[in-house]
Amino acid sequence: MKFGRMKSHRRNRLLIIVFIVFAAGGATTFALFALNENINLFYSPEQIVKGEAPVGKTIRAGGMVLDGSVIRAEEGLGVSFVVSDLKSAQVTVEFDGILPDMFREGQGVIALGQLTDKGVFVAEEVLAKHDENYMPPEIADALKDVNQPSADTLNKVNDN
């Protein structure tokens, strides 16, 4: 079987197809790398204490703010508090900024930030629940394992 030279219009089509395939592959690779870098996974206090959370990468951590754990700095906007899953896991969170109006002890929070080598979570942003009936899904799932009463039950007890 003898192969002759490829005709120029077929060679040009083949080159265009090969270029399009490589360009699409490169664009897909860059998009996946960009998405991987911008993902912020949620970790419960238990996962952080067990060492499952990455150190030095931006993640979300959440749980319930323990009563009596909020310590405000004497100068500036610094505040630290302890977030717990209401089992045995507790994580200290440090935040330098203005906390949300709904932030208080005994309420659910989600913080965006980085975990240090010492196990302290340094938050860039703190989100608090917005009303008495709402609980972030991640925290609600973490609390299901503890058999904690729902937010509605807690509010009815607190109102009496």
Protein backbone atom coordinates (compact mmCIF):
# COMPACT_ATOMS: atom_id res chain seq x y z
CA MET A 1 0.00 0.00 0.00
CA LYS A 2 1.46 3.26 -1.06
CA PHE A 3 0.72 6.56 0.62
CA GLY A 4 1.24 9.69 -1.31
CA ARG A 5 1.67 13.22 -0.15
CA MET A 6 -1.28 14.73 1.69
CA LYS A 7 -3.18 17.32 -0.24
CA SER A 8 -2.77 20.84 1.11
CA HIS A 9 -6.44 21.44 1.95
CA ARG A 10 -6.61 18.15 3.92
CA ARG A 11 -3.37 18.98 5.73
CA ASN A 12 -4.74 22.42 6.65
CA ARG A 13 -7.96 20.90 7.99
CA LEU A 14 -5.99 18.37 10.03
CA LEU A 15 -3.79 21.13 11.49
CA ILE A 16 -6.85 23.19 12.39
CA ILE A 17 -8.50 20.20 14.09
CA VAL A 18 -5.33 19.37 16.03
CA PHE A 19 -4.99 23.02 17.09
CA ILE A 20 -8.63 23.15 18.24
CA VAL A 21 -8.24 19.91 20.26
CA PHE A 22 -5.08 21.17 22.00
CA ALA A 23 -6.62 24.62 22.65
CA ALA A 24 -9.76 23.07 24.15
CA GLY A 25 -7.65 20.74 26.30
CA GLY A 26 -5.49 23.64 27.51
CA ALA A 27 -8.52 25.81 28.28
CA THR A 28 -10.14 22.96 30.20
CA THR A 29 -6.94 22.37 32.19
CA PHE A 30 -6.64 26.05 33.13
CA ALA A 31 -10.32 26.23 34.10
CA LEU A 32 -10.03 23.17 36.36
CA PHE A 33 -6.90 24.54 38.05
CA ALA A 34 -8.63 27.88 38.65
CA LEU A 35 -11.71 26.21 40.11
CA ASN A 36 -9.57 23.99 42.32
CA GLU A 37 -7.73 26.99 43.76
CA ASN A 38 -10.96 28.91 44.51
CA ILE A 39 -12.86 26.15 46.25
CA ASN A 40 -13.53 26.67 49.96
CA LEU A 41 -14.45 23.40 51.63
CA PHE A 42 -16.34 23.28 54.93
CA TYR A 43 -14.76 21.54 57.92
CA SER A 44 -16.45 20.87 61.25
CA PRO A 45 -14.51 21.39 64.51
CA GLU A 46 -14.18 17.61 64.81
CA GLN A 47 -12.53 17.35 61.39
CA ILE A 48 -10.18 20.23 62.23
CA VAL A 49 -9.15 18.67 65.55
CA LYS A 50 -8.55 15.30 63.84
CA GLY A 51 -6.20 17.04 61.37
CA GLU A 52 -8.35 16.52 58.29
CA ALA A 53 -8.39 20.25 57.46
CA PRO A 54 -5.47 21.62 55.44
CA VAL A 55 -3.11 24.06 57.16
CA GLY A 56 -2.52 27.37 55.39
CA LYS A 57 -5.30 27.01 52.81
CA THR A 58 -8.52 28.99 52.77
CA ILE A 59 -11.37 26.90 54.15
CA ARG A 60 -14.70 27.38 55.91
CA ALA A 61 -15.13 26.25 59.50
CA GLY A 62 -18.30 26.37 61.49
CA GLY A 63 -20.10 25.32 64.58
CA MET A 64 -21.67 26.80 67.68
CA VAL A 65 -19.96 29.63 69.59
CA LEU A 66 -19.41 28.39 73.14
CA ASP A 67 -20.89 30.43 75.98
CA GLY A 68 -18.24 32.51 77.75
CA SER A 69 -15.65 32.01 75.04
CA VAL A 70 -15.77 35.42 73.33
CA ILE A 71 -12.73 37.53 74.24
CA ARG A 72 -12.45 41.01 72.75
CA ALA A 73 -9.14 42.83 72.42
CA GLU A 74 -8.64 45.88 74.63
CA GLU A 75 -7.59 47.90 71.59
CA GLY A 76 -8.76 47.47 68.04
CA LEU A 77 -11.34 45.13 66.56
CA GLY A 78 -9.67 41.85 67.45
CA VAL A 79 -11.83 39.11 68.92
CA SER A 80 -11.32 35.44 69.62
CA PHE A 81 -13.91 32.81 70.40
CA VAL A 82 -14.26 29.04 70.52
CA VAL A 83 -16.37 27.16 68.00
CA SER A 84 -17.57 23.69 68.94
CA ASP A 85 -19.58 20.85 67.48
CA LEU A 86 -21.15 20.45 70.95
CA LYS A 87 -19.39 17.12 71.37
CA SER A 88 -15.76 17.27 72.44
CA ALA A 89 -14.14 19.11 69.52
CA GLN A 90 -13.34 22.79 69.97
CA VAL A 91 -11.46 25.20 67.71
CA THR A 92 -10.26 28.67 68.66
CA VAL A 93 -11.13 31.30 66.06
CA GLU A 94 -9.36 34.66 65.85
CA PHE A 95 -10.92 37.48 63.88
CA ASP A 96 -9.83 41.08 63.38
CA GLY A 97 -12.81 43.04 62.12
CA ILE A 98 -16.42 43.91 62.75
CA LEU A 99 -18.55 40.93 63.69
CA PRO A 100 -22.06 40.56 62.24
CA ASP A 101 -24.90 42.04 64.29
CA MET A 102 -26.41 38.58 64.82
CA PHE A 103 -23.16 37.17 66.27
CA ARG A 104 -23.47 36.03 69.88
CA GLU A 105 -22.56 33.15 72.12
CA GLY A 106 -24.59 29.98 71.71
CA GLN A 107 -25.32 30.67 68.04
CA GLY A 108 -24.09 29.03 64.86
CA VAL A 109 -21.36 30.67 62.81
CA ILE A 110 -19.35 29.91 59.71
CA ALA A 111 -15.93 31.50 59.35
CA LEU A 112 -13.83 31.79 56.21
CA GLY A 113 -10.09 31.78 56.80
CA GLN A 114 -7.00 29.68 57.32
CA LEU A 115 -5.87 27.18 59.92
CA THR A 116 -2.46 27.81 61.50
CA ASP A 117 0.13 25.22 62.54
CA LYS A 118 -0.94 25.75 66.16
CA GLY A 119 -4.54 24.72 65.42
CA VAL A 120 -5.94 28.27 65.63
CA PHE A 121 -8.33 29.29 62.87
CA VAL A 122 -7.62 32.86 61.66
CA ALA A 123 -10.81 34.13 60.06
CA GLU A 124 -11.06 36.70 57.29
CA GLU A 125 -14.86 36.70 57.40
CA VAL A 126 -17.41 35.56 59.97
CA LEU A 127 -21.01 34.79 59.05
CA ALA A 128 -23.72 34.44 61.69
CA LYS A 129 -27.17 32.97 61.31
CA HIS A 130 -29.72 35.51 60.19
CA ASP A 131 -32.77 34.65 62.31
CA GLU A 132 -33.89 32.35 65.08
CA ASN A 133 -35.04 29.57 62.75
CA TYR A 134 -32.11 29.37 60.34
CA MET A 135 -29.08 27.17 60.83
CA PRO A 136 -26.43 26.72 58.13
CA PRO A 137 -26.81 23.27 56.55
CA GLU A 138 -23.24 22.30 57.38
CA ILE A 139 -23.78 23.00 61.08
CA ALA A 140 -27.18 21.30 61.10
CA ASP A 141 -25.59 18.16 59.62
CA ALA A 142 -22.77 18.25 62.19
CA LEU A 143 -25.28 18.64 65.03
CA LYS A 144 -27.44 15.73 63.84
CA ASP A 145 -24.68 13.38 64.99
CA VAL A 146 -24.87 14.86 68.50
CA ASN A 147 -28.66 14.48 68.78
CA GLN A 148 -29.04 18.15 69.67
CA PRO A 149 -32.51 19.68 69.65
CA SER A 150 -33.44 21.77 66.65
CA ALA A 151 -33.25 25.56 66.62
CA ASP A 152 -37.06 25.74 66.98
CA THR A 153 -36.97 23.65 70.16
CA LEU A 154 -34.14 25.75 71.62
CA ASN A 155 -35.97 28.99 70.88
CA LYS A 156 -39.20 27.76 72.50
CA VAL A 157 -37.28 26.83 75.65
CA ASN A 158 -35.48 30.21 75.65
CA ASP A 159 -38.71 32.15 75.18
CA ASN A 160 -40.30 30.63 78.32
